[in-house]
All heavy atoms as atom14 arrays in JSON, in Angstrom:
{
  "sequence": "SWFEVWLIPETLRMTVFRQKQAGAALNIEIERSTQVIVD",
  "atom14_mask": [
    [1, 1, 1, 1, 1, 1, 0, 0, 0, 0, 0, 0, 0, 0],
    [1, 1, 1, 1, 1, 1, 1, 1, 1, 1, 1, 1, 1, 1],
    [1, 1, 1, 1, 1, 1, 1, 1, 1, 1, 1, 0, 0, 0],
    [1, 1, 1, 1, 1, 1, 1, 1, 1, 0, 0, 0, 0, 0],
    [1, 1, 1, 1, 1, 1, 1, 0, 0, 0, 0, 0, 0, 0],
    [1, 1, 1, 1, 1, 1, 1, 1, 1, 1, 1, 1, 1, 1],
    [1, 1, 1, 1, 1, 1, 1, 1, 0, 0, 0, 0, 0, 0],
    [1, 1, 1, 1, 1, 1, 1, 1, 0, 0, 0, 0, 0, 0],
    [1, 1, 1, 1, 1, 1, 1, 0, 0, 0, 0, 0, 0, 0],
    [1, 1, 1, 1, 1, 1, 1, 1, 1, 0, 0, 0, 0, 0],
    [1, 1, 1, 1, 1, 1, 1, 0, 0, 0, 0, 0, 0, 0],
    [1, 1, 1, 1, 1, 1, 1, 1, 0, 0, 0, 0, 0, 0],
    [1, 1, 1, 1, 1, 1, 1, 1, 1, 1, 1, 0, 0, 0],
    [1, 1, 1, 1, 1, 1, 1, 1, 0, 0, 0, 0, 0, 0],
    [1, 1, 1, 1, 1, 1, 1, 0, 0, 0, 0, 0, 0, 0],
    [1, 1, 1, 1, 1, 1, 1, 0, 0, 0, 0, 0, 0, 0],
    [1, 1, 1, 1, 1, 1, 1, 1, 1, 1, 1, 0, 0, 0],
    [1, 1, 1, 1, 1, 1, 1, 1, 1, 1, 1, 0, 0, 0],
    [1, 1, 1, 1, 1, 1, 1, 1, 1, 0, 0, 0, 0, 0],
    [1, 1, 1, 1, 1, 1, 1, 1, 1, 0, 0, 0, 0, 0],
    [1, 1, 1, 1, 1, 1, 1, 1, 1, 0, 0, 0, 0, 0],
    [1, 1, 1, 1, 1, 0, 0, 0, 0, 0, 0, 0, 0, 0],
    [1, 1, 1, 1, 0, 0, 0, 0, 0, 0, 0, 0, 0, 0],
    [1, 1, 1, 1, 1, 0, 0, 0, 0, 0, 0, 0, 0, 0],
    [1, 1, 1, 1, 1, 0, 0, 0, 0, 0, 0, 0, 0, 0],
    [1, 1, 1, 1, 1, 1, 1, 1, 0, 0, 0, 0, 0, 0],
    [1, 1, 1, 1, 1, 1, 1, 1, 0, 0, 0, 0, 0, 0],
    [1, 1, 1, 1, 1, 1, 1, 1, 0, 0, 0, 0, 0, 0],
    [1, 1, 1, 1, 1, 1, 1, 1, 1, 0, 0, 0, 0, 0],
    [1, 1, 1, 1, 1, 1, 1, 1, 0, 0, 0, 0, 0, 0],
    [1, 1, 1, 1, 1, 1, 1, 1, 1, 0, 0, 0, 0, 0],
    [1, 1, 1, 1, 1, 1, 1, 1, 1, 1, 1, 0, 0, 0],
    [1, 1, 1, 1, 1, 1, 0, 0, 0, 0, 0, 0, 0, 0],
    [1, 1, 1, 1, 1, 1, 1, 0, 0, 0, 0, 0, 0, 0],
    [1, 1, 1, 1, 1, 1, 1, 1, 1, 0, 0, 0, 0, 0],
    [1, 1, 1, 1, 1, 1, 1, 0, 0, 0, 0, 0, 0, 0],
    [1, 1, 1, 1, 1, 1, 1, 1, 0, 0, 0, 0, 0, 0],
    [1, 1, 1, 1, 1, 1, 1, 0, 0, 0, 0, 0, 0, 0],
    [1, 1, 1, 1, 1, 1, 1, 1, 0, 0, 0, 0, 0, 0]
  ],
  "atom14_positions": [
    [[0.81, -1.23, 0.0], [0.0, 0.0, 0.0], [0.84, 1.27, 0.0], [0.66, 2.15, 0.85], [-0.97, 0.02, 1.2], [-1.89, -1.04, 1.11], [0.0, 0.0, 0.0], [0.0, 0.0, 0.0], [0.0, 0.0, 0.0], [0.0, 0.0, 0.0], [0.0, 0.0, 0.0], [0.0, 0.0, 0.0], [0.0, 0.0, 0.0], [0.0, 0.0, 0.0]],
    [[1.74, 1.39, -0.97], [2.48, 2.63, -1.1], [2.79, 2.93, -2.56], [2.71, 2.06, -3.4], [3.78, 2.62, -0.28], [4.76, 1.51, -0.53], [4.99, 0.42, 0.26], [5.69, 1.39, -1.63], [5.98, -0.37, -0.27], [6.43, 0.21, -1.43], [5.96, 2.15, -2.76], [7.43, -0.23, -2.31], [6.95, 1.74, -3.65], [7.66, 0.55, -3.42]],
    [[3.1, 4.19, -2.81], [3.63, 4.57, -4.12], [4.78, 5.54, -3.91], [4.94, 6.12, -2.83], [2.54, 5.18, -5.02], [2.09, 6.56, -4.63], [2.67, 7.7, -5.16], [1.04, 6.73, -3.73], [2.25, 8.97, -4.8], [0.61, 8.0, -3.36], [1.22, 9.11, -3.9], [0.0, 0.0, 0.0], [0.0, 0.0, 0.0], [0.0, 0.0, 0.0]],
    [[5.6, 5.71, -4.95], [6.75, 6.59, -4.86], [6.75, 7.65, -5.95], [6.28, 7.41, -7.06], [8.06, 5.79, -4.96], [8.39, 4.98, -3.73], [9.76, 4.33, -3.8], [10.32, 4.21, -4.92], [10.28, 3.95, -2.73], [0.0, 0.0, 0.0], [0.0, 0.0, 0.0], [0.0, 0.0, 0.0], [0.0, 0.0, 0.0], [0.0, 0.0, 0.0]],
    [[7.26, 8.82, -5.59], [7.52, 9.88, -6.56], [8.97, 10.32, -6.4], [9.5, 10.33, -5.3], [6.57, 11.08, -6.38], [5.14, 10.68, -6.75], [6.62, 11.63, -4.97], [0.0, 0.0, 0.0], [0.0, 0.0, 0.0], [0.0, 0.0, 0.0], [0.0, 0.0, 0.0], [0.0, 0.0, 0.0], [0.0, 0.0, 0.0], [0.0, 0.0, 0.0]],
    [[9.58, 10.7, -7.53], [10.96, 11.19, -7.54], [10.92, 12.68, -7.85], [10.29, 13.11, -8.81], [11.78, 10.45, -8.59], [12.07, 9.02, -8.25], [11.18, 8.06, -7.9], [13.35, 8.39, -8.24], [11.8, 6.86, -7.67], [13.14, 7.04, -7.88], [14.64, 8.83, -8.52], [14.19, 6.13, -7.78], [15.68, 7.92, -8.43], [15.46, 6.59, -8.05]],
    [[11.62, 13.46, -7.03], [11.58, 14.91, -7.16], [12.94, 15.44, -7.61], [13.98, 15.09, -7.03], [11.2, 15.55, -5.82], [9.94, 15.0, -5.14], [9.72, 15.7, -3.82], [8.73, 15.15, -6.05], [0.0, 0.0, 0.0], [0.0, 0.0, 0.0], [0.0, 0.0, 0.0], [0.0, 0.0, 0.0], [0.0, 0.0, 0.0], [0.0, 0.0, 0.0]],
    [[12.93, 16.31, -8.61], [14.16, 16.93, -9.09], [14.48, 18.15, -8.24], [13.62, 18.64, -7.49], [14.03, 17.32, -10.58], [12.91, 18.35, -10.76], [13.81, 16.09, -11.44], [12.83, 18.91, -12.18], [0.0, 0.0, 0.0], [0.0, 0.0, 0.0], [0.0, 0.0, 0.0], [0.0, 0.0, 0.0], [0.0, 0.0, 0.0], [0.0, 0.0, 0.0]],
    [[15.69, 18.68, -8.31], [16.06, 19.84, -7.48], [15.14, 21.04, -7.65], [14.85, 21.74, -6.68], [17.49, 20.15, -7.96], [18.04, 18.82, -8.38], [16.87, 18.11, -9.01], [0.0, 0.0, 0.0], [0.0, 0.0, 0.0], [0.0, 0.0, 0.0], [0.0, 0.0, 0.0], [0.0, 0.0, 0.0], [0.0, 0.0, 0.0], [0.0, 0.0, 0.0]],
    [[14.65, 21.31, -8.87], [13.78, 22.46, -9.09], [12.47, 22.31, -8.32], [11.95, 23.27, -7.75], [13.5, 22.65, -10.58], [12.51, 23.76, -10.92], [13.0, 25.15, -10.53], [14.19, 25.3, -10.18], [12.18, 26.08, -10.56], [0.0, 0.0, 0.0], [0.0, 0.0, 0.0], [0.0, 0.0, 0.0], [0.0, 0.0, 0.0], [0.0, 0.0, 0.0]],
    [[11.92, 21.1, -8.29], [10.7, 20.85, -7.53], [10.94, 21.09, -6.04], [10.11, 21.7, -5.35], [10.2, 19.42, -7.76], [9.95, 19.22, -9.16], [8.91, 19.15, -6.98], [0.0, 0.0, 0.0], [0.0, 0.0, 0.0], [0.0, 0.0, 0.0], [0.0, 0.0, 0.0], [0.0, 0.0, 0.0], [0.0, 0.0, 0.0], [0.0, 0.0, 0.0]],
    [[12.07, 20.63, -5.54], [12.39, 20.85, -4.13], [12.56, 22.34, -3.83], [12.17, 22.82, -2.76], [13.67, 20.1, -3.76], [13.58, 18.57, -3.79], [14.95, 17.97, -3.51], [12.57, 18.05, -2.78], [0.0, 0.0, 0.0], [0.0, 0.0, 0.0], [0.0, 0.0, 0.0], [0.0, 0.0, 0.0], [0.0, 0.0, 0.0], [0.0, 0.0, 0.0]],
    [[13.12, 23.08, -4.77], [13.35, 24.51, -4.56], [12.04, 25.28, -4.47], [11.92, 26.23, -3.69], [14.2, 25.07, -5.7], [14.59, 26.54, -5.54], [15.38, 27.04, -6.74], [14.52, 27.19, -7.9], [13.79, 28.28, -8.17], [13.79, 29.3, -7.32], [13.05, 28.34, -9.25], [0.0, 0.0, 0.0], [0.0, 0.0, 0.0], [0.0, 0.0, 0.0]],
    [[11.05, 24.88, -5.26], [9.8, 25.64, -5.37], [8.69, 25.15, -4.44], [7.6, 25.71, -4.44], [9.3, 25.59, -6.81], [10.11, 26.42, -7.79], [10.03, 28.19, -7.41], [8.28, 28.53, -7.72], [0.0, 0.0, 0.0], [0.0, 0.0, 0.0], [0.0, 0.0, 0.0], [0.0, 0.0, 0.0], [0.0, 0.0, 0.0], [0.0, 0.0, 0.0]],
    [[8.95, 24.12, -3.64], [7.9, 23.52, -2.83], [8.39, 23.29, -1.4], [9.54, 23.59, -1.06], [7.45, 22.17, -3.42], [8.55, 21.23, -3.31], [7.06, 22.3, -4.89], [0.0, 0.0, 0.0], [0.0, 0.0, 0.0], [0.0, 0.0, 0.0], [0.0, 0.0, 0.0], [0.0, 0.0, 0.0], [0.0, 0.0, 0.0], [0.0, 0.0, 0.0]],
    [[7.49, 22.72, -0.6], [7.82, 22.41, 0.8], [8.3, 20.97, 0.99], [8.52, 20.55, 2.13], [6.59, 22.65, 1.71], [6.15, 24.11, 1.66], [5.44, 21.73, 1.31], [0.0, 0.0, 0.0], [0.0, 0.0, 0.0], [0.0, 0.0, 0.0], [0.0, 0.0, 0.0], [0.0, 0.0, 0.0], [0.0, 0.0, 0.0], [0.0, 0.0, 0.0]],
    [[8.49, 20.22, -0.09], [8.74, 18.79, 0.06], [10.05, 18.47, 0.78], [10.17, 17.42, 1.4], [8.68, 18.08, -1.29], [7.3, 18.06, -1.9], [7.08, 18.5, -3.19], [6.22, 17.62, -1.16], [5.8, 18.5, -3.74], [4.94, 17.61, -1.69], [4.73, 18.05, -2.98], [0.0, 0.0, 0.0], [0.0, 0.0, 0.0], [0.0, 0.0, 0.0]],
    [[11.03, 19.33, 0.69], [12.29, 19.08, 1.38], [12.07, 18.98, 2.89], [12.83, 18.29, 3.61], [13.28, 20.2, 1.06], [14.59, 20.12, 1.8], [15.49, 19.0, 1.33], [16.08, 19.26, 0.03], [16.94, 18.47, -0.59], [17.27, 17.31, -0.02], [17.44, 18.78, -1.76], [0.0, 0.0, 0.0], [0.0, 0.0, 0.0], [0.0, 0.0, 0.0]],
    [[11.01, 19.61, 3.39], [10.74, 19.6, 4.83], [10.03, 18.33, 5.29], [9.9, 18.1, 6.5], [9.86, 20.8, 5.19], [10.41, 22.15, 4.75], [9.38, 23.25, 4.91], [8.38, 23.09, 5.59], [9.62, 24.39, 4.27], [0.0, 0.0, 0.0], [0.0, 0.0, 0.0], [0.0, 0.0, 0.0], [0.0, 0.0, 0.0], [0.0, 0.0, 0.0]],
    [[9.53, 17.54, 4.36], [8.71, 16.38, 4.72], [9.57, 15.16, 5.02], [10.3, 14.68, 4.15], [7.72, 16.07, 3.61], [6.84, 17.25, 3.2], [6.02, 17.8, 4.36], [5.13, 18.95, 3.92], [4.38, 19.55, 5.03], [0.0, 0.0, 0.0], [0.0, 0.0, 0.0], [0.0, 0.0, 0.0], [0.0, 0.0, 0.0], [0.0, 0.0, 0.0]],
    [[9.44, 14.67, 6.23], [10.15, 13.45, 6.64], [9.14, 12.35, 6.94], [7.92, 12.56, 6.86], [11.02, 13.75, 7.87], [12.08, 14.81, 7.62], [13.06, 14.43, 6.53], [13.53, 13.29, 6.5], [13.4, 15.38, 5.65], [0.0, 0.0, 0.0], [0.0, 0.0, 0.0], [0.0, 0.0, 0.0], [0.0, 0.0, 0.0], [0.0, 0.0, 0.0]],
    [[9.63, 11.17, 7.28], [8.75, 10.03, 7.55], [7.72, 10.41, 8.61], [8.06, 10.99, 9.64], [9.57, 8.83, 8.0], [0.0, 0.0, 0.0], [0.0, 0.0, 0.0], [0.0, 0.0, 0.0], [0.0, 0.0, 0.0], [0.0, 0.0, 0.0], [0.0, 0.0, 0.0], [0.0, 0.0, 0.0], [0.0, 0.0, 0.0], [0.0, 0.0, 0.0]],
    [[6.47, 10.1, 8.33], [5.38, 10.4, 9.25], [4.63, 11.67, 8.91], [3.52, 11.89, 9.42], [0.0, 0.0, 0.0], [0.0, 0.0, 0.0], [0.0, 0.0, 0.0], [0.0, 0.0, 0.0], [0.0, 0.0, 0.0], [0.0, 0.0, 0.0], [0.0, 0.0, 0.0], [0.0, 0.0, 0.0], [0.0, 0.0, 0.0], [0.0, 0.0, 0.0]],
    [[5.2, 12.52, 8.06], [4.54, 13.77, 7.69], [3.27, 13.49, 6.88], [3.23, 12.58, 6.06], [5.49, 14.66, 6.88], [0.0, 0.0, 0.0], [0.0, 0.0, 0.0], [0.0, 0.0, 0.0], [0.0, 0.0, 0.0], [0.0, 0.0, 0.0], [0.0, 0.0, 0.0], [0.0, 0.0, 0.0], [0.0, 0.0, 0.0], [0.0, 0.0, 0.0]],
    [[2.25, 14.3, 7.11], [0.97, 14.13, 6.4], [0.98, 14.95, 5.11], [1.55, 16.05, 5.05], [-0.18, 14.58, 7.29], [0.0, 0.0, 0.0], [0.0, 0.0, 0.0], [0.0, 0.0, 0.0], [0.0, 0.0, 0.0], [0.0, 0.0, 0.0], [0.0, 0.0, 0.0], [0.0, 0.0, 0.0], [0.0, 0.0, 0.0], [0.0, 0.0, 0.0]],
    [[0.34, 14.4, 4.08], [0.28, 15.04, 2.76], [-1.14, 14.99, 2.22], [-1.87, 14.03, 2.47], [1.2, 14.31, 1.77], [2.69, 14.25, 2.12], [3.4, 13.3, 1.18], [3.32, 15.64, 2.06], [0.0, 0.0, 0.0], [0.0, 0.0, 0.0], [0.0, 0.0, 0.0], [0.0, 0.0, 0.0], [0.0, 0.0, 0.0], [0.0, 0.0, 0.0]],
    [[-1.52, 16.03, 1.48], [-2.82, 16.04, 0.8], [-2.7, 15.39, -0.56], [-1.8, 15.73, -1.35], [-3.31, 17.48, 0.63], [-3.65, 18.14, 1.95], [-4.21, 17.51, 2.84], [-3.31, 19.41, 2.08], [0.0, 0.0, 0.0], [0.0, 0.0, 0.0], [0.0, 0.0, 0.0], [0.0, 0.0, 0.0], [0.0, 0.0, 0.0], [0.0, 0.0, 0.0]],
    [[-3.61, 14.49, -0.87], [-3.59, 13.77, -2.14], [-4.88, 14.03, -2.91], [-5.98, 13.85, -2.39], [-3.45, 12.24, -1.93], [-2.26, 11.92, -1.03], [-3.35, 11.53, -3.28], [-0.92, 12.24, -1.59], [0.0, 0.0, 0.0], [0.0, 0.0, 0.0], [0.0, 0.0, 0.0], [0.0, 0.0, 0.0], [0.0, 0.0, 0.0], [0.0, 0.0, 0.0]],
    [[-4.72, 14.47, -4.16], [-5.85, 14.55, -5.09], [-5.54, 13.62, -6.27], [-4.55, 13.81, -6.97], [-6.07, 15.97, -5.61], [-7.24, 16.06, -6.59], [-7.45, 17.46, -7.16], [-7.06, 18.44, -6.5], [-8.01, 17.56, -8.28], [0.0, 0.0, 0.0], [0.0, 0.0, 0.0], [0.0, 0.0, 0.0], [0.0, 0.0, 0.0], [0.0, 0.0, 0.0]],
    [[-6.37, 12.61, -6.45], [-6.13, 11.69, -7.56], [-6.54, 12.34, -8.88], [-7.32, 13.29, -8.9], [-6.9, 10.36, -7.35], [-8.39, 10.6, -7.24], [-6.38, 9.61, -6.13], [-9.21, 9.34, -7.17], [0.0, 0.0, 0.0], [0.0, 0.0, 0.0], [0.0, 0.0, 0.0], [0.0, 0.0, 0.0], [0.0, 0.0, 0.0], [0.0, 0.0, 0.0]],
    [[-5.99, 11.83, -9.96], [-6.28, 12.38, -11.28], [-7.71, 12.01, -11.66], [-8.07, 10.84, -11.66], [-5.28, 11.83, -12.3], [-5.09, 12.68, -13.51], [-6.13, 12.39, -14.56], [-6.41, 11.21, -14.79], [-6.68, 13.34, -15.14], [0.0, 0.0, 0.0], [0.0, 0.0, 0.0], [0.0, 0.0, 0.0], [0.0, 0.0, 0.0], [0.0, 0.0, 0.0]],
    [[-8.53, 13.0, -11.93], [-9.97, 12.78, -12.0], [-10.41, 11.9, -13.16], [-11.31, 11.07, -13.02], [-10.7, 14.13, -12.05], [-12.12, 14.06, -11.5], [-12.15, 13.56, -10.06], [-11.5, 14.44, -9.11], [-11.06, 14.06, -7.91], [-11.19, 12.81, -7.52], [-10.49, 14.94, -7.1], [0.0, 0.0, 0.0], [0.0, 0.0, 0.0], [0.0, 0.0, 0.0]],
    [[-9.78, 12.04, -14.32], [-10.19, 11.2, -15.45], [-9.85, 9.74, -15.18], [-10.59, 8.83, -15.59], [-9.54, 11.67, -16.75], [-8.13, 11.56, -16.7], [0.0, 0.0, 0.0], [0.0, 0.0, 0.0], [0.0, 0.0, 0.0], [0.0, 0.0, 0.0], [0.0, 0.0, 0.0], [0.0, 0.0, 0.0], [0.0, 0.0, 0.0], [0.0, 0.0, 0.0]],
    [[-8.75, 9.49, -14.46], [-8.41, 8.12, -14.07], [-9.49, 7.54, -13.17], [-9.92, 6.39, -13.34], [-7.06, 8.09, -13.34], [-6.04, 8.55, -14.22], [-6.72, 6.68, -12.87], [0.0, 0.0, 0.0], [0.0, 0.0, 0.0], [0.0, 0.0, 0.0], [0.0, 0.0, 0.0], [0.0, 0.0, 0.0], [0.0, 0.0, 0.0], [0.0, 0.0, 0.0]],
    [[-9.96, 8.34, -12.21], [-11.01, 7.87, -11.32], [-12.27, 7.52, -12.08], [-12.9, 6.49, -11.82], [-11.32, 8.92, -10.26], [-12.37, 8.47, -9.25], [-12.75, 9.57, -8.28], [-12.65, 10.74, -8.6], [-13.19, 9.19, -7.09], [0.0, 0.0, 0.0], [0.0, 0.0, 0.0], [0.0, 0.0, 0.0], [0.0, 0.0, 0.0], [0.0, 0.0, 0.0]],
    [[-12.65, 8.37, -13.03], [-13.86, 8.13, -13.8], [-13.75, 6.82, -14.59], [-14.68, 6.0, -14.61], [-14.14, 9.31, -14.76], [-15.26, 8.96, -15.73], [-14.51, 10.56, -13.96], [0.0, 0.0, 0.0], [0.0, 0.0, 0.0], [0.0, 0.0, 0.0], [0.0, 0.0, 0.0], [0.0, 0.0, 0.0], [0.0, 0.0, 0.0], [0.0, 0.0, 0.0]],
    [[-12.6, 6.61, -15.23], [-12.42, 5.4, -16.03], [-12.45, 4.16, -15.15], [-13.14, 3.18, -15.45], [-11.1, 5.47, -16.82], [-11.18, 6.57, -17.89], [-10.77, 4.13, -17.47], [-9.87, 6.88, -18.56], [0.0, 0.0, 0.0], [0.0, 0.0, 0.0], [0.0, 0.0, 0.0], [0.0, 0.0, 0.0], [0.0, 0.0, 0.0], [0.0, 0.0, 0.0]],
    [[-11.69, 4.21, -14.04], [-11.63, 3.04, -13.16], [-13.0, 2.72, -12.58], [-13.44, 1.56, -12.57], [-10.6, 3.27, -12.04], [-10.71, 2.18, -10.97], [-9.2, 3.32, -12.6], [0.0, 0.0, 0.0], [0.0, 0.0, 0.0], [0.0, 0.0, 0.0], [0.0, 0.0, 0.0], [0.0, 0.0, 0.0], [0.0, 0.0, 0.0], [0.0, 0.0, 0.0]],
    [[-13.73, 3.74, -12.1], [-15.04, 3.5, -11.51], [-16.04, 2.99, -12.54], [-16.87, 2.13, -12.24], [-15.57, 4.79, -10.87], [-14.85, 5.13, -9.57], [-14.11, 4.26, -9.07], [-15.02, 6.25, -9.06], [0.0, 0.0, 0.0], [0.0, 0.0, 0.0], [0.0, 0.0, 0.0], [0.0, 0.0, 0.0], [0.0, 0.0, 0.0], [0.0, 0.0, 0.0]]
  ]
}
């Protein structure tokens, strides 16, 4: 029950992800057209 994303330096520079360590909570929005197709 996990997935992974790889972040490049520019993404880390422009976001808060560098601050996130194990246990940190994140907001997830799934891709809507994928949800429609799967459902």
